[in-house]
Amino acid sequence: MSNSLITPTEALLEVAKQHPFLAAIKTGGDQWSYAALWARIRQIADKIHDLDDTRNPIGLYTG
């Protein structure tokens, strides 16, 4: 990564590219790699983009 300021999303993508199979999240018995986390983020972002035309409020429950 460079010394310039980047967004959290850009930082996550950079780590996902450099270390895709490194554990990004560990909770209980579950573990997500950076590649799996990035793939899920893209799925959610695509769904939000598809909903944008409805003009309805959008919320996320992270449980």
C-alpha atoms as a PDB file:
ATOM      1  CA  MET A   1       0.000   0.000   0.000  1.00  0.00           C
ATOM      2  CA  SER A   2       1.116   3.511  -0.677  1.00  0.00           C
ATOM      3  CA  ASN A   3       1.440   6.351   1.814  1.00  0.00           C
ATOM      4  CA  SER A   4      -1.563   8.187   0.342  1.00  0.00           C
ATOM      5  CA  LEU A   5      -4.895   8.006   2.129  1.00  0.00           C
ATOM      6  CA  ILE A   6      -7.186   5.201   1.035  1.00  0.00           C
ATOM      7  CA  THR A   7     -10.686   4.226   2.057  1.00  0.00           C
ATOM      8  CA  PRO A   8     -11.372   1.230   4.312  1.00  0.00           C
ATOM      9  CA  THR A   9     -12.870  -0.532   1.293  1.00  0.00           C
ATOM     10  CA  GLU A  10      -9.724   0.037  -0.744  1.00  0.00           C
ATOM     11  CA  ALA A  11      -7.588  -1.205   2.145  1.00  0.00           C
ATOM     12  CA  LEU A  12      -9.671  -4.367   2.469  1.00  0.00           C
ATOM     13  CA  LEU A  13      -9.462  -5.027  -1.271  1.00  0.00           C
ATOM     14  CA  GLU A  14      -5.700  -4.559  -1.196  1.00  0.00           C
ATOM     15  CA  VAL A  15      -5.295  -7.110   1.617  1.00  0.00           C
ATOM     16  CA  ALA A  16      -7.721  -9.488  -0.128  1.00  0.00           C
ATOM     17  CA  LYS A  17      -5.572  -9.314  -3.268  1.00  0.00           C
ATOM     18  CA  GLN A  18      -2.279  -9.804  -1.418  1.00  0.00           C
ATOM     19  CA  HIS A  19      -3.433 -12.444   1.101  1.00  0.00           C
ATOM     20  CA  PRO A  20      -6.708 -13.968  -0.162  1.00  0.00           C
ATOM     21  CA  PHE A  21      -6.569 -17.065   2.028  1.00  0.00           C
ATOM     22  CA  LEU A  22      -5.474 -15.366   5.243  1.00  0.00           C
ATOM     23  CA  ALA A  23      -8.146 -15.360   7.967  1.00  0.00           C
ATOM     24  CA  ALA A  24      -9.994 -12.044   7.977  1.00  0.00           C
ATOM     25  CA  ILE A  25     -12.652 -12.937  10.539  1.00  0.00           C
ATOM     26  CA  LYS A  26     -12.646 -15.567  13.258  1.00  0.00           C
ATOM     27  CA  THR A  27     -15.636 -15.968  15.535  1.00  0.00           C
ATOM     28  CA  GLY A  28     -16.564 -19.042  17.486  1.00  0.00           C
ATOM     29  CA  GLY A  29     -15.946 -21.971  15.162  1.00  0.00           C
ATOM     30  CA  ASP A  30     -16.347 -19.893  11.998  1.00  0.00           C
ATOM     31  CA  GLN A  31     -13.580 -18.364   9.923  1.00  0.00           C
ATOM     32  CA  TRP A  32     -13.728 -16.255   6.753  1.00  0.00           C
ATOM     33  CA  SER A  33     -10.773 -15.631   4.483  1.00  0.00           C
ATOM     34  CA  TYR A  34     -10.208 -12.198   2.968  1.00  0.00           C
ATOM     35  CA  ALA A  35     -11.277 -13.623  -0.421  1.00  0.00           C
ATOM     36  CA  ALA A  36     -14.542 -14.970   1.025  1.00  0.00           C
ATOM     37  CA  LEU A  37     -15.198 -11.720   2.888  1.00  0.00           C
ATOM     38  CA  TRP A  38     -14.575  -9.643  -0.243  1.00  0.00           C
ATOM     39  CA  ALA A  39     -16.856 -11.909  -2.311  1.00  0.00           C
ATOM     40  CA  ARG A  40     -19.662 -11.491   0.226  1.00  0.00           C
ATOM     41  CA  ILE A  41     -19.190  -7.722   0.352  1.00  0.00           C
ATOM     42  CA  ARG A  42     -19.485  -7.602  -3.452  1.00  0.00           C
ATOM     43  CA  GLN A  43     -22.705  -9.663  -3.316  1.00  0.00           C
ATOM     44  CA  ILE A  44     -24.217  -7.281  -0.776  1.00  0.00           C
ATOM     45  CA  ALA A  45     -23.087  -4.211  -2.721  1.00  0.00           C
ATOM     46  CA  ASP A  46     -24.631  -5.588  -5.911  1.00  0.00           C
ATOM     47  CA  LYS A  47     -27.936  -6.246  -4.119  1.00  0.00           C
ATOM     48  CA  ILE A  48     -27.942  -2.698  -2.715  1.00  0.00           C
ATOM     49  CA  HIS A  49     -27.239  -1.322  -6.172  1.00  0.00           C
ATOM     50  CA  ASP A  50     -30.174  -3.323  -7.571  1.00  0.00           C
ATOM     51  CA  LEU A  51     -32.463  -1.980  -4.817  1.00  0.00           C
ATOM     52  CA  ASP A  52     -31.406   1.617  -5.394  1.00  0.00           C
ATOM     53  CA  ASP A  53     -33.987   2.081  -8.171  1.00  0.00           C
ATOM     54  CA  THR A  54     -36.839   1.265  -5.777  1.00  0.00           C
ATOM     55  CA  ARG A  55     -36.226   4.429  -3.702  1.00  0.00           C
ATOM     56  CA  ASN A  56     -36.960   2.410  -0.563  1.00  0.00           C
ATOM     57  CA  PRO A  57     -34.799   2.720   2.553  1.00  0.00           C
ATOM     58  CA  ILE A  58     -32.001   0.151   2.735  1.00  0.00           C
ATOM     59  CA  GLY A  59     -30.689  -1.305   5.988  1.00  0.00           C
ATOM     60  CA  LEU A  60     -28.324  -4.090   6.927  1.00  0.00           C
ATOM     61  CA  TYR A  61     -28.613  -6.364   9.941  1.00  0.00           C
ATOM     62  CA  THR A  62     -25.216  -7.692  10.969  1.00  0.00           C
ATOM     63  CA  GLY A  63     -26.572  -9.753  13.814  1.00  0.00           C
END
